[in-house]
Amino acid sequence: MPTDDFFHARLDQMIDLHHPLAVLANRLPWPDIEAALAPAFERKNGQGQVVEFSDIFGTALATVGTGVSAAGRPRLPIRLMASLLYLKHAFNLSDEELVIRWSENVVWQYFSGQAYYIPFNNYE
């Protein structure tokens, strides 16, 4: 079976596809799950608040917190976030334990929708 990249093997070629998590990854309706969760993670317009402030010219009113914020880093893929939450609760792990085990376990990365192995420091 050819690979997309000569120097990287695809995860689906490295793991046993009969592993319970691999079977679950292929049976879950990921597009439906992502579509259901997407509205909760999208950036929303702020309604803003009118605040009163004082400066050298006296008291004035200003509106703050309106518009869509461009602050912060881009979000991670929804499938990755949902699968990490599932793995965390299924195996009763802390956040730190989850990150370490996910970075070492190719089946967990396949379950999370990754095509190739991702080393520990790529999602920091």
PDB file of N, CA and C in Angstrom:
ATOM      1  N   MET A   1       0.844  -1.176   0.000  1.00  0.00           N
ATOM      2  CA  MET A   1       0.000   0.000   0.000  1.00  0.00           C
ATOM      3  C   MET A   1       0.893   1.244   0.000  1.00  0.00           C
ATOM      4  N   PRO A   2       0.792   2.124  -0.981  1.00  0.00           N
ATOM      5  CA  PRO A   2       1.662   3.297  -1.048  1.00  0.00           C
ATOM      6  C   PRO A   2       1.307   4.314   0.031  1.00  0.00           C
ATOM      7  N   THR A   3       2.287   5.103   0.404  1.00  0.00           N
ATOM      8  CA  THR A   3       2.067   6.174   1.369  1.00  0.00           C
ATOM      9  C   THR A   3       2.064   7.514   0.649  1.00  0.00           C
ATOM     10  N   ASP A   4       1.454   8.505   1.250  1.00  0.00           N
ATOM     11  CA  ASP A   4       1.419   9.849   0.680  1.00  0.00           C
ATOM     12  C   ASP A   4       2.782  10.527   0.783  1.00  0.00           C
ATOM     13  N   ASP A   5       3.551  10.160   1.772  1.00  0.00           N
ATOM     14  CA  ASP A   5       4.843  10.773   2.034  1.00  0.00           C
ATOM     15  C   ASP A   5       5.858   9.649   2.217  1.00  0.00           C
ATOM     16  N   PHE A   6       6.940   9.704   1.475  1.00  0.00           N
ATOM     17  CA  PHE A   6       7.935   8.628   1.501  1.00  0.00           C
ATOM     18  C   PHE A   6       8.515   8.409   2.897  1.00  0.00           C
ATOM     19  N   PHE A   7       8.671   9.483   3.684  1.00  0.00           N
ATOM     20  CA  PHE A   7       9.327   9.378   4.976  1.00  0.00           C
ATOM     21  C   PHE A   7       8.360   9.215   6.147  1.00  0.00           C
ATOM     22  N   HIS A   8       7.069   9.241   5.901  1.00  0.00           N
ATOM     23  CA  HIS A   8       6.092   9.103   6.978  1.00  0.00           C
ATOM     24  C   HIS A   8       5.088   8.018   6.626  1.00  0.00           C
ATOM     25  N   ALA A   9       4.895   7.088   7.540  1.00  0.00           N
ATOM     26  CA  ALA A   9       3.874   6.064   7.351  1.00  0.00           C
ATOM     27  C   ALA A   9       2.559   6.564   7.931  1.00  0.00           C
ATOM     28  N   ARG A  10       1.483   6.278   7.244  1.00  0.00           N
ATOM     29  CA  ARG A  10       0.162   6.669   7.737  1.00  0.00           C
ATOM     30  C   ARG A  10      -0.187   5.830   8.965  1.00  0.00           C
ATOM     31  N   LEU A  11      -0.928   6.434   9.909  1.00  0.00           N
ATOM     32  CA  LEU A  11      -1.308   5.715  11.119  1.00  0.00           C
ATOM     33  C   LEU A  11      -2.156   4.498  10.810  1.00  0.00           C
ATOM     34  N   ASP A  12      -3.027   4.589   9.810  1.00  0.00           N
ATOM     35  CA  ASP A  12      -3.878   3.436   9.494  1.00  0.00           C
ATOM     36  C   ASP A  12      -3.083   2.258   8.947  1.00  0.00           C
ATOM     37  N   GLN A  13      -1.843   2.498   8.531  1.00  0.00           N
ATOM     38  CA  GLN A  13      -0.963   1.420   8.095  1.00  0.00           C
ATOM     39  C   GLN A  13      -0.111   0.890   9.242  1.00  0.00           C
ATOM     40  N   MET A  14      -0.057   1.622  10.354  1.00  0.00           N
ATOM     41  CA  MET A  14       0.780   1.230  11.483  1.00  0.00           C
ATOM     42  C   MET A  14       0.021   0.458  12.553  1.00  0.00           C
ATOM     43  N   ILE A  15      -1.296   0.611  12.614  1.00  0.00           N
ATOM     44  CA  ILE A  15      -2.059   0.051  13.731  1.00  0.00           C
ATOM     45  C   ILE A  15      -2.912  -1.119  13.274  1.00  0.00           C
ATOM     46  N   ASP A  16      -3.409  -1.854  14.253  1.00  0.00           N
ATOM     47  CA  ASP A  16      -4.380  -2.913  14.004  1.00  0.00           C
ATOM     48  C   ASP A  16      -5.755  -2.247  13.904  1.00  0.00           C
ATOM     49  N   LEU A  17      -6.359  -2.271  12.735  1.00  0.00           N
ATOM     50  CA  LEU A  17      -7.653  -1.614  12.536  1.00  0.00           C
ATOM     51  C   LEU A  17      -8.802  -2.356  13.220  1.00  0.00           C
ATOM     52  N   HIS A  18      -8.492  -3.499  13.865  1.00  0.00           N
ATOM     53  CA  HIS A  18      -9.497  -4.229  14.642  1.00  0.00           C
ATOM     54  C   HIS A  18      -9.450  -3.847  16.123  1.00  0.00           C
ATOM     55  N   HIS A  19      -8.522  -2.961  16.476  1.00  0.00           N
ATOM     56  CA  HIS A  19      -8.450  -2.451  17.849  1.00  0.00           C
ATOM     57  C   HIS A  19      -9.771  -1.738  18.143  1.00  0.00           C
ATOM     58  N   PRO A  20     -10.327  -1.903  19.362  1.00  0.00           N
ATOM     59  CA  PRO A  20     -11.634  -1.292  19.670  1.00  0.00           C
ATOM     60  C   PRO A  20     -11.722   0.208  19.393  1.00  0.00           C
ATOM     61  N   LEU A  21     -10.671   0.975  19.688  1.00  0.00           N
ATOM     62  CA  LEU A  21     -10.717   2.411  19.419  1.00  0.00           C
ATOM     63  C   LEU A  21     -10.663   2.717  17.926  1.00  0.00           C
ATOM     64  N   ALA A  22      -9.946   1.895  17.159  1.00  0.00           N
ATOM     65  CA  ALA A  22      -9.905   2.092  15.709  1.00  0.00           C
ATOM     66  C   ALA A  22     -11.265   1.780  15.095  1.00  0.00           C
ATOM     67  N   VAL A  23     -11.909   0.723  15.584  1.00  0.00           N
ATOM     68  CA  VAL A  23     -13.251   0.383  15.097  1.00  0.00           C
ATOM     69  C   VAL A  23     -14.227   1.499  15.449  1.00  0.00           C
ATOM     70  N   LEU A  24     -14.151   1.989  16.699  1.00  0.00           N
ATOM     71  CA  LEU A  24     -15.033   3.081  17.124  1.00  0.00           C
ATOM     72  C   LEU A  24     -14.789   4.338  16.302  1.00  0.00           C
ATOM     73  N   ALA A  25     -13.530   4.631  16.012  1.00  0.00           N
ATOM     74  CA  ALA A  25     -13.199   5.816  15.206  1.00  0.00           C
ATOM     75  C   ALA A  25     -13.830   5.735  13.823  1.00  0.00           C
ATOM     76  N   ASN A  26     -13.895   4.543  13.262  1.00  0.00           N
ATOM     77  CA  ASN A  26     -14.469   4.380  11.928  1.00  0.00           C
ATOM     78  C   ASN A  26     -15.983   4.300  11.931  1.00  0.00           C
ATOM     79  N   ARG A  27     -16.588   4.045  13.085  1.00  0.00           N
ATOM     80  CA  ARG A  27     -18.050   3.922  13.158  1.00  0.00           C
ATOM     81  C   ARG A  27     -18.758   5.180  13.655  1.00  0.00           C
ATOM     82  N   LEU A  28     -18.049   6.021  14.385  1.00  0.00           N
ATOM     83  CA  LEU A  28     -18.695   7.237  14.894  1.00  0.00           C
ATOM     84  C   LEU A  28     -18.996   8.197  13.744  1.00  0.00           C
ATOM     85  N   PRO A  29     -20.122   8.878  13.815  1.00  0.00           N
ATOM     86  CA  PRO A  29     -20.470   9.863  12.767  1.00  0.00           C
ATOM     87  C   PRO A  29     -19.771  11.195  13.025  1.00  0.00           C
ATOM     88  N   TRP A  30     -18.468  11.249  12.773  1.00  0.00           N
ATOM     89  CA  TRP A  30     -17.681  12.439  13.097  1.00  0.00           C
ATOM     90  C   TRP A  30     -18.207  13.704  12.435  1.00  0.00           C
ATOM     91  N   PRO A  31     -18.642  13.679  11.176  1.00  0.00           N
ATOM     92  CA  PRO A  31     -19.181  14.936  10.606  1.00  0.00           C
ATOM     93  C   PRO A  31     -20.408  15.458  11.367  1.00  0.00           C
ATOM     94  N   ASP A  32     -21.266  14.552  11.821  1.00  0.00           N
ATOM     95  CA  ASP A  32     -22.438  14.974  12.589  1.00  0.00           C
ATOM     96  C   ASP A  32     -22.041  15.524  13.960  1.00  0.00           C
ATOM     97  N   ILE A  33     -21.075  14.880  14.591  1.00  0.00           N
ATOM     98  CA  ILE A  33     -20.594  15.346  15.895  1.00  0.00           C
ATOM     99  C   ILE A  33     -19.967  16.732  15.758  1.00  0.00           C
ATOM    100  N   GLU A  34     -19.142  16.907  14.738  1.00  0.00           N
ATOM    101  CA  GLU A  34     -18.499  18.211  14.526  1.00  0.00           C
ATOM    102  C   GLU A  34     -19.527  19.289  14.214  1.00  0.00           C
ATOM    103  N   ALA A  35     -20.535  18.951  13.410  1.00  0.00           N
ATOM    104  CA  ALA A  35     -21.574  19.933  13.075  1.00  0.00           C
ATOM    105  C   ALA A  35     -22.389  20.322  14.301  1.00  0.00           C
ATOM    106  N   ALA A  36     -22.618  19.374  15.202  1.00  0.00           N
ATOM    107  CA  ALA A  36     -23.383  19.675  16.411  1.00  0.00           C
ATOM    108  C   ALA A  36     -22.583  20.531  17.394  1.00  0.00           C
ATOM    109  N   LEU A  37     -21.274  20.341  17.443  1.00  0.00           N
ATOM    110  CA  LEU A  37     -20.445  21.080  18.394  1.00  0.00           C
ATOM    111  C   LEU A  37     -19.925  22.410  17.854  1.00  0.00           C
ATOM    112  N   ALA A  38     -19.899  22.584  16.552  1.00  0.00           N
ATOM    113  CA  ALA A  38     -19.307  23.788  15.943  1.00  0.00           C
ATOM    114  C   ALA A  38     -19.904  25.096  16.466  1.00  0.00           C
ATOM    115  N   PRO A  39     -21.232  25.209  16.627  1.00  0.00           N
ATOM    116  CA  PRO A  39     -21.764  26.489  17.119  1.00  0.00           C
ATOM    117  C   PRO A  39     -21.253  26.877  18.499  1.00  0.00           C
ATOM    118  N   ALA A  40     -20.931  25.909  19.329  1.00  0.00           N
ATOM    119  CA  ALA A  40     -20.443  26.221  20.672  1.00  0.00           C
ATOM    120  C   ALA A  40     -19.025  26.778  20.653  1.00  0.00           C
ATOM    121  N   PHE A  41     -18.271  26.511  19.589  1.00  0.00           N
ATOM    122  CA  PHE A  41     -16.879  26.923  19.535  1.00  0.00           C
ATOM    123  C   PHE A  41     -16.611  28.066  18.563  1.00  0.00           C
ATOM    124  N   GLU A  42     -17.620  28.579  17.895  1.00  0.00           N
ATOM    125  CA  GLU A  42     -17.366  29.658  16.944  1.00  0.00           C
ATOM    126  C   GLU A  42     -17.235  30.996  17.670  1.00  0.00           C
ATOM    127  N   ARG A  43     -16.515  31.889  17.040  1.00  0.00           N
ATOM    128  CA  ARG A  43     -16.380  33.229  17.612  1.00  0.00           C
ATOM    129  C   ARG A  43     -17.682  33.979  17.396  1.00  0.00           C
ATOM    130  N   LYS A  44     -18.126  34.653  18.432  1.00  0.00           N
ATOM    131  CA  LYS A  44     -19.412  35.332  18.376  1.00  0.00           C
ATOM    132  C   LYS A  44     -19.223  36.834  18.539  1.00  0.00           C
ATOM    133  N   ASN A  45     -20.165  37.594  18.000  1.00  0.00           N
ATOM    134  CA  ASN A  45     -20.159  39.043  18.176  1.00  0.00           C
ATOM    135  C   ASN A  45     -20.470  39.382  19.624  1.00  0.00           C
ATOM    136  N   GLY A  46     -19.674  40.264  20.186  1.00  0.00           N
ATOM    137  CA  GLY A  46     -19.938  40.738  21.536  1.00  0.00           C
ATOM    138  C   GLY A  46     -21.000  41.834  21.497  1.00  0.00           C
ATOM    139  N   GLN A  47     -21.911  41.813  22.445  1.00  0.00           N
ATOM    140  CA  GLN A  47     -22.975  42.823  22.501  1.00  0.00           C
ATOM    141  C   GLN A  47     -22.444  44.150  23.027  1.00  0.00           C
ATOM    142  N   GLY A  48     -21.426  44.074  23.818  1.00  0.00           N
ATOM    143  CA  GLY A  48     -20.825  45.298  24.334  1.00  0.00           C
ATOM    144  C   GLY A  48     -21.556  45.852  25.537  1.00  0.00           C
ATOM    145  N   GLN A  49     -20.872  46.719  26.245  1.00  0.00           N
ATOM    146  CA  GLN A  49     -21.433  47.405  27.399  1.00  0.00           C
ATOM    147  C   GLN A  49     -21.056  48.875  27.317  1.00  0.00           C
ATOM    148  N   VAL A  50     -21.961  49.693  27.776  1.00  0.00           N
ATOM    149  CA  VAL A  50     -21.661  51.117  27.866  1.00  0.00           C
ATOM    150  C   VAL A  50     -21.060  51.368  29.243  1.00  0.00           C
ATOM    151  N   VAL A  51     -19.870  51.938  29.234  1.00  0.00           N
ATOM    152  CA  VAL A  51     -19.198  52.220  30.503  1.00  0.00           C
ATOM    153  C   VAL A  51     -18.925  53.723  30.603  1.00  0.00           C
ATOM    154  N   GLU A  52     -18.873  54.176  31.820  1.00  0.00           N
ATOM    155  CA  GLU A  52     -18.587  55.590  32.077  1.00  0.00           C
ATOM    156  C   GLU A  52     -17.152  55.700  32.554  1.00  0.00           C
ATOM    157  N   PHE A  53     -16.414  56.634  31.987  1.00  0.00           N
ATOM    158  CA  PHE A  53     -15.027  56.811  32.413  1.00  0.00           C
ATOM    159  C   PHE A  53     -14.745  58.308  32.532  1.00  0.00           C
ATOM    160  N   SER A  54     -13.726  58.585  33.297  1.00  0.00           N
ATOM    161  CA  SER A  54     -13.337  59.990  33.513  1.00  0.00           C
ATOM    162  C   SER A  54     -11.938  60.206  32.960  1.00  0.00           C
ATOM    163  N   ASP A  55     -11.774  61.341  32.332  1.00  0.00           N
ATOM    164  CA  ASP A  55     -10.448  61.738  31.863  1.00  0.00           C
ATOM    165  C   ASP A  55     -10.257  63.213  32.178  1.00  0.00           C
ATOM    166  N   ILE A  56      -9.272  63.837  31.591  1.00  0.00           N
ATOM    167  CA  ILE A  56      -8.991  65.240  31.943  1.00  0.00           C
ATOM    168  C   ILE A  56     -10.077  66.200  31.455  1.00  0.00           C
ATOM    169  N   PHE A  57     -10.933  65.726  30.541  1.00  0.00           N
ATOM    170  CA  PHE A  57     -12.007  66.586  30.039  1.00  0.00           C
ATOM    171  C   PHE A  57     -13.320  66.365  30.750  1.00  0.00           C
ATOM    172  N   GLY A  58     -13.345  65.437  31.718  1.00  0.00           N
ATOM    173  CA  GLY A  58     -14.571  65.176  32.453  1.00  0.00           C
ATOM    174  C   GLY A  58     -15.030  63.735  32.259  1.00  0.00           C
ATOM    175  N   THR A  59     -16.310  63.519  32.493  1.00  0.00           N
ATOM    176  CA  THR A  59     -16.890  62.181  32.394  1.00  0.00           C
ATOM    177  C   THR A  59     -17.443  61.966  30.998  1.00  0.00           C
ATOM    178  N   ALA A  60     -17.216  60.748  30.472  1.00  0.00           N
ATOM    179  CA  ALA A  60     -17.722  60.413  29.137  1.00  0.00           C
ATOM    180  C   ALA A  60     -18.203  58.961  29.134  1.00  0.00           C
ATOM    181  N   LEU A  61     -18.955  58.602  28.093  1.00  0.00           N
ATOM    182  CA  LEU A  61     -19.447  57.238  27.929  1.00  0.00           C
ATOM    183  C   LEU A  61     -18.738  56.600  26.731  1.00  0.00           C
ATOM    184  N   ALA A  62     -18.494  55.287  26.838  1.00  0.00           N
ATOM    185  CA  ALA A  62     -17.878  54.545  25.736  1.00  0.00           C
ATOM    186  C   ALA A  62     -18.469  53.144  25.701  1.00  0.00           C
ATOM    187  N   THR A  63     -18.526  52.583  24.515  1.00  0.00           N
ATOM    188  CA  THR A  63     -19.002  51.213  24.357  1.00  0.00           C
ATOM    189  C   THR A  63     -17.784  50.307  24.204  1.00  0.00           C
ATOM    190  N   VAL A  64     -17.725  49.252  25.020  1.00  0.00           N
ATOM    191  CA  VAL A  64     -16.597  48.325  24.979  1.00  0.00           C
ATOM    192  C   VAL A  64     -17.117  46.902  24.781  1.00  0.00           C
ATOM    193  N   GLY A  65     -16.275  46.072  24.197  1.00  0.00           N
ATOM    194  CA  GLY A  65     -16.614  44.657  24.049  1.00  0.00           C
ATOM    195  C   GLY A  65     -17.527  44.341  22.883  1.00  0.00           C
ATOM    196  N   THR A  66     -17.499  45.158  21.830  1.00  0.00           N
ATOM    197  CA  THR A  66     -18.349  44.875  20.675  1.00  0.00           C
ATOM    198  C   THR A  66     -17.521  44.243  19.572  1.00  0.00           C
ATOM    199  N   GLY A  67     -18.183  43.581  18.643  1.00  0.00           N
ATOM    200  CA  GLY A  67     -17.520  42.980  17.487  1.00  0.00           C
ATOM    201  C   GLY A  67     -16.927  41.614  17.786  1.00  0.00           C
ATOM    202  N   VAL A  68     -16.349  41.019  16.764  1.00  0.00           N
ATOM    203  CA  VAL A  68     -15.732  39.705  16.887  1.00  0.00           C
ATOM    204  C   VAL A  68     -14.266  39.889  17.233  1.00  0.00           C
ATOM    205  N   SER A  69     -13.838  39.250  18.306  1.00  0.00           N
ATOM    206  CA  SER A  69     -12.456  39.367  18.736  1.00  0.00           C
ATOM    207  C   SER A  69     -11.561  38.488  17.878  1.00  0.00           C
ATOM    208  N   ALA A  70     -10.429  39.015  17.488  1.00  0.00           N
ATOM    209  CA  ALA A  70      -9.430  38.235  16.761  1.00  0.00           C
ATOM    210  C   ALA A  70      -8.316  37.787  17.708  1.00  0.00           C
ATOM    211  N   ALA A  71      -8.534  37.993  19.009  1.00  0.00           N
ATOM    212  CA  ALA A  71      -7.515  37.643  19.991  1.00  0.00           C
ATOM    213  C   ALA A  71      -7.453  36.134  20.178  1.00  0.00           C
ATOM    214  N   GLY A  72      -6.319  35.670  20.576  1.00  0.00           N
ATOM    215  CA  GLY A  72      -6.156  34.255  20.888  1.00  0.00           C
ATOM    216  C   GLY A  72      -5.714  33.448  19.688  1.00  0.00           C
ATOM    217  N   ARG A  73      -5.252  32.246  19.970  1.00  0.00           N
ATOM    218  CA  ARG A  73      -4.794  31.369  18.910  1.00  0.00           C
ATOM    219  C   ARG A  73      -5.971  30.676  18.257  1.00  0.00           C
ATOM    220  N   PRO A  74      -5.824  30.198  17.040  1.00  0.00           N
ATOM    221  CA  PRO A  74      -6.920  29.471  16.394  1.00  0.00           C
ATOM    222  C   PRO A  74      -7.246  28.206  17.177  1.00  0.00           C
ATOM    223  N   ARG A  75      -8.489  27.804  17.111  1.00  0.00           N
ATOM    224  CA  ARG A  75      -8.905  26.628  17.870  1.00  0.00           C
ATOM    225  C   ARG A  75      -8.363  25.364  17.233  1.00  0.00           C
ATOM    226  N   LEU A  76      -8.286  24.327  18.041  1.00  0.00           N
ATOM    227  CA  LEU A  76      -7.898  23.009  17.545  1.00  0.00           C
ATOM    228  C   LEU A  76      -9.100  22.378  16.859  1.00  0.00           C
ATOM    229  N   PRO A  77      -8.896  21.359  16.023  1.00  0.00           N
ATOM    230  CA  PRO A  77     -10.034  20.704  15.366  1.00  0.00           C
ATOM    231  C   PRO A  77     -11.027  20.137  16.385  1.00  0.00           C
ATOM    232  N   ILE A  78     -12.303  20.230  16.071  1.00  0.00           N
ATOM    233  CA  ILE A  78     -13.349  19.775  16.984  1.00  0.00           C
ATOM    234  C   ILE A  78     -13.228  18.282  17.242  1.00  0.00           C
ATOM    235  N   ARG A  79     -12.885  17.504  16.215  1.00  0.00           N
ATOM    236  CA  ARG A  79     -12.748  16.061  16.427  1.00  0.00           C
ATOM    237  C   ARG A  79     -11.639  15.778  17.438  1.00  0.00           C
ATOM    238  N   LEU A  80     -10.550  16.495  17.371  1.00  0.00           N
ATOM    239  CA  LEU A  80      -9.468  16.305  18.325  1.00  0.00           C
ATOM    240  C   LEU A  80      -9.940  16.624  19.738  1.00  0.00           C
ATOM    241  N   MET A  81     -10.636  17.738  19.925  1.00  0.00           N
ATOM    242  CA  MET A  81     -11.112  18.114  21.255  1.00  0.00           C
ATOM    243  C   MET A  81     -12.114  17.104  21.796  1.00  0.00           C
ATOM    244  N   ALA A  82     -13.051  16.651  20.951  1.00  0.00           N
ATOM    245  CA  ALA A  82     -14.060  15.680  21.392  1.00  0.00           C
ATOM    246  C   ALA A  82     -13.422  14.334  21.718  1.00  0.00           C
ATOM    247  N   SER A  83     -12.490  13.899  20.897  1.00  0.00           N
ATOM    248  CA  SER A  83     -11.860  12.604  21.154  1.00  0.00           C
ATOM    249  C   SER A  83     -10.980  12.650  22.399  1.00  0.00           C
ATOM    250  N   LEU A  84     -10.285  13.764  22.636  1.00  0.00           N
ATOM    251  CA  LEU A  84      -9.485  13.886  23.853  1.00  0.00           C
ATOM    252  C   LEU A  84     -10.364  13.879  25.102  1.00  0.00           C
ATOM    253  N   LEU A  85     -11.504  14.523  25.027  1.00  0.00           N
ATOM    254  CA  LEU A  85     -12.432  14.513  26.159  1.00  0.00           C
ATOM    255  C   LEU A  85     -12.940  13.097  26.420  1.00  0.00           C
ATOM    256  N   TYR A  86     -13.256  12.359  25.345  1.00  0.00           N
ATOM    257  CA  TYR A  86     -13.694  10.968  25.491  1.00  0.00           C
ATOM    258  C   TYR A  86     -12.594  10.120  26.131  1.00  0.00           C
ATOM    259  N   LEU A  87     -11.359  10.221  25.616  1.00  0.00           N
ATOM    260  CA  LEU A  87     -10.249   9.425  26.138  1.00  0.00           C
ATOM    261  C   LEU A  87      -9.950   9.771  27.596  1.00  0.00           C
ATOM    262  N   LYS A  88     -10.031  11.043  27.929  1.00  0.00           N
ATOM    263  CA  LYS A  88      -9.767  11.483  29.302  1.00  0.00           C
ATOM    264  C   LYS A  88     -10.732  10.829  30.279  1.00  0.00           C
ATOM    265  N   HIS A  89     -12.006  10.804  29.925  1.00  0.00           N
ATOM    266  CA  HIS A  89     -13.008  10.239  30.828  1.00  0.00           C
ATOM    267  C   HIS A  89     -13.040   8.715  30.762  1.00  0.00           C
ATOM    268  N   ALA A  90     -12.797   8.130  29.603  1.00  0.00           N
ATOM    269  CA  ALA A  90     -12.812   6.677  29.469  1.00  0.00           C
ATOM    270  C   ALA A  90     -11.678   6.028  30.258  1.00  0.00           C
ATOM    271  N   PHE A  91     -10.530   6.697  30.326  1.00  0.00           N
ATOM    272  CA  PHE A  91      -9.371   6.135  31.014  1.00  0.00           C
ATOM    273  C   PHE A  91      -9.061   6.841  32.331  1.00  0.00           C
ATOM    274  N   ASN A  92      -9.940   7.752  32.758  1.00  0.00           N
ATOM    275  CA  ASN A  92      -9.830   8.449  34.046  1.00  0.00           C
ATOM    276  C   ASN A  92      -8.446   9.086  34.212  1.00  0.00           C
ATOM    277  N   LEU A  93      -8.112   9.992  33.308  1.00  0.00           N
ATOM    278  CA  LEU A  93      -6.794  10.614  33.285  1.00  0.00           C
ATOM    279  C   LEU A  93      -6.870  12.096  33.621  1.00  0.00           C
ATOM    280  N   SER A  94      -5.783  12.626  34.158  1.00  0.00           N
ATOM    281  CA  SER A  94      -5.668  14.074  34.326  1.00  0.00           C
ATOM    282  C   SER A  94      -5.293  14.665  32.969  1.00  0.00           C
ATOM    283  N   ASP A  95      -5.316  15.980  32.869  1.00  0.00           N
ATOM    284  CA  ASP A  95      -4.940  16.634  31.618  1.00  0.00           C
ATOM    285  C   ASP A  95      -3.504  16.297  31.229  1.00  0.00           C
ATOM    286  N   GLU A  96      -2.613  16.339  32.202  1.00  0.00           N
ATOM    287  CA  GLU A  96      -1.205  16.065  31.926  1.00  0.00           C
ATOM    288  C   GLU A  96      -0.992  14.624  31.472  1.00  0.00           C
ATOM    289  N   GLU A  97      -1.636  13.672  32.169  1.00  0.00           N
ATOM    290  CA  GLU A  97      -1.518  12.261  31.791  1.00  0.00           C
ATOM    291  C   GLU A  97      -2.084  12.018  30.396  1.00  0.00           C
ATOM    292  N   LEU A  98      -3.179  12.681  30.092  1.00  0.00           N
ATOM    293  CA  LEU A  98      -3.808  12.523  28.782  1.00  0.00           C
ATOM    294  C   LEU A  98      -2.864  12.964  27.663  1.00  0.00           C
ATOM    295  N   VAL A  99      -2.241  14.116  27.817  1.00  0.00           N
ATOM    296  CA  VAL A  99      -1.337  14.633  26.781  1.00  0.00           C
ATOM    297  C   VAL A  99      -0.157  13.693  26.582  1.00  0.00           C
ATOM    298  N   ILE A 100       0.404  13.201  27.665  1.00  0.00           N
ATOM    299  CA  ILE A 100       1.555  12.299  27.558  1.00  0.00           C
ATOM    300  C   ILE A 100       1.150  10.994  26.878  1.00  0.00           C
ATOM    301  N   ARG A 101       0.049  10.396  27.312  1.00  0.00           N
ATOM    302  CA  ARG A 101      -0.370   9.120  26.717  1.00  0.00           C
ATOM    303  C   ARG A 101      -0.807   9.289  25.271  1.00  0.00           C
ATOM    304  N   TRP A 102      -1.481  10.409  24.952  1.00  0.00           N
ATOM    305  CA  TRP A 102      -1.904  10.637  23.573  1.00  0.00           C
ATOM    306  C   TRP A 102      -0.693  10.769  22.658  1.00  0.00           C
ATOM    307  N   SER A 103       0.338  11.454  23.131  1.00  0.00           N
ATOM    308  CA  SER A 103       1.515  11.666  22.289  1.00  0.00           C
ATOM    309  C   SER A 103       2.289  10.380  22.048  1.00  0.00           C
ATOM    310  N   GLU A 104       2.140   9.379  22.911  1.00  0.00           N
ATOM    311  CA  GLU A 104       2.859   8.115  22.770  1.00  0.00           C
ATOM    312  C   GLU A 104       2.038   7.027  22.086  1.00  0.00           C
ATOM    313  N   ASN A 105       0.737   7.209  21.975  1.00  0.00           N
ATOM    314  CA  ASN A 105      -0.141   6.130  21.530  1.00  0.00           C
ATOM    315  C   ASN A 105      -0.689   6.429  20.129  1.00  0.00           C
ATOM    316  N   VAL A 106      -0.243   5.658  19.148  1.00  0.00           N
ATOM    317  CA  VAL A 106      -0.673   5.902  17.766  1.00  0.00           C
ATOM    318  C   VAL A 106      -2.137   5.547  17.553  1.00  0.00           C
ATOM    319  N   VAL A 107      -2.675   4.609  18.327  1.00  0.00           N
ATOM    320  CA  VAL A 107      -4.102   4.282  18.203  1.00  0.00           C
ATOM    321  C   VAL A 107      -4.952   5.452  18.679  1.00  0.00           C
ATOM    322  N   TRP A 108      -4.540   6.103  19.760  1.00  0.00           N
ATOM    323  CA  TRP A 108      -5.271   7.266  20.253  1.00  0.00           C
ATOM    324  C   TRP A 108      -5.221   8.400  19.233  1.00  0.00           C
ATOM    325  N   GLN A 109      -4.072   8.584  18.594  1.00  0.00           N
ATOM    326  CA  GLN A 109      -3.966   9.629  17.587  1.00  0.00           C
ATOM    327  C   GLN A 109      -4.836   9.305  16.378  1.00  0.00           C
ATOM    328  N   TYR A 110      -4.905   8.036  15.991  1.00  0.00           N
ATOM    329  CA  TYR A 110      -5.791   7.636  14.894  1.00  0.00           C
ATOM    330  C   TYR A 110      -7.245   7.901  15.276  1.00  0.00           C
ATOM    331  N   PHE A 111      -7.619   7.560  16.509  1.00  0.00           N
ATOM    332  CA  PHE A 111      -8.973   7.818  16.997  1.00  0.00           C
ATOM    333  C   PHE A 111      -9.300   9.308  16.936  1.00  0.00           C
ATOM    334  N   SER A 112      -8.290  10.145  17.155  1.00  0.00           N
ATOM    335  CA  SER A 112      -8.478  11.596  17.162  1.00  0.00           C
ATOM    336  C   SER A 112      -8.510  12.205  15.766  1.00  0.00           C
ATOM    337  N   GLY A 113      -8.370  11.377  14.733  1.00  0.00           N
ATOM    338  CA  GLY A 113      -8.481  11.873  13.370  1.00  0.00           C
ATOM    339  C   GLY A 113      -7.172  12.247  12.717  1.00  0.00           C
ATOM    340  N   GLN A 114      -6.053  11.931  13.348  1.00  0.00           N
ATOM    341  CA  GLN A 114      -4.760  12.253  12.760  1.00  0.00           C
ATOM    342  C   GLN A 114      -4.417  11.227  11.683  1.00  0.00           C
ATOM    343  N   ALA A 115      -3.797  11.655  10.618  1.00  0.00           N
ATOM    344  CA  ALA A 115      -3.379  10.743   9.548  1.00  0.00           C
ATOM    345  C   ALA A 115      -1.958  10.254   9.775  1.00  0.00           C
ATOM    346  N   TYR A 116      -1.113  11.106  10.354  1.00  0.00           N
ATOM    347  CA  TYR A 116       0.288  10.784  10.601  1.00  0.00           C
ATOM    348  C   TYR A 116       0.591  10.993  12.073  1.00  0.00           C
ATOM    349  N   TYR A 117       1.650  10.339  12.552  1.00  0.00           N
ATOM    350  CA  TYR A 117       2.083  10.493  13.937  1.00  0.00           C
ATOM    351  C   TYR A 117       2.465  11.941  14.208  1.00  0.00           C
ATOM    352  N   ILE A 118       2.003  12.473  15.341  1.00  0.00           N
ATOM    353  CA  ILE A 118       2.311  13.844  15.742  1.00  0.00           C
ATOM    354  C   ILE A 118       3.105  13.788  17.037  1.00  0.00           C
ATOM    355  N   PRO A 119       4.323  14.298  17.054  1.00  0.00           N
ATOM    356  CA  PRO A 119       5.104  14.302  18.287  1.00  0.00           C
ATOM    357  C   PRO A 119       4.482  15.201  19.351  1.00  0.00           C
ATOM    358  N   PHE A 120       4.934  15.044  20.555  1.00  0.00           N
ATOM    359  CA  PHE A 120       4.379  15.719  21.734  1.00  0.00           C
ATOM    360  C   PHE A 120       4.318  17.236  21.596  1.00  0.00           C
ATOM    361  N   ASN A 121       5.322  17.876  21.039  1.00  0.00           N
ATOM    362  CA  ASN A 121       5.412  19.342  21.089  1.00  0.00           C
ATOM    363  C   ASN A 121       4.652  20.067  19.980  1.00  0.00           C
ATOM    364  N   ASN A 122       3.949  19.390  19.093  1.00  0.00           N
ATOM    365  CA  ASN A 122       3.270  20.091  17.997  1.00  0.00           C
ATOM    366  C   ASN A 122       1.989  20.797  18.427  1.00  0.00           C
ATOM    367  N   TYR A 123       1.361  20.404  19.534  1.00  0.00           N
ATOM    368  CA  TYR A 123       0.129  21.064  19.972  1.00  0.00           C
ATOM    369  C   TYR A 123       0.337  21.902  21.208  1.00  0.00           C
ATOM    370  N   GLU A 124       1.576  22.279  21.497  1.00  0.00           N
ATOM    371  CA  GLU A 124       1.825  23.120  22.674  1.00  0.00           C
ATOM    372  C   GLU A 124       1.577  24.557  22.339  1.00  0.00           C
TER     373      GLU A 124
END
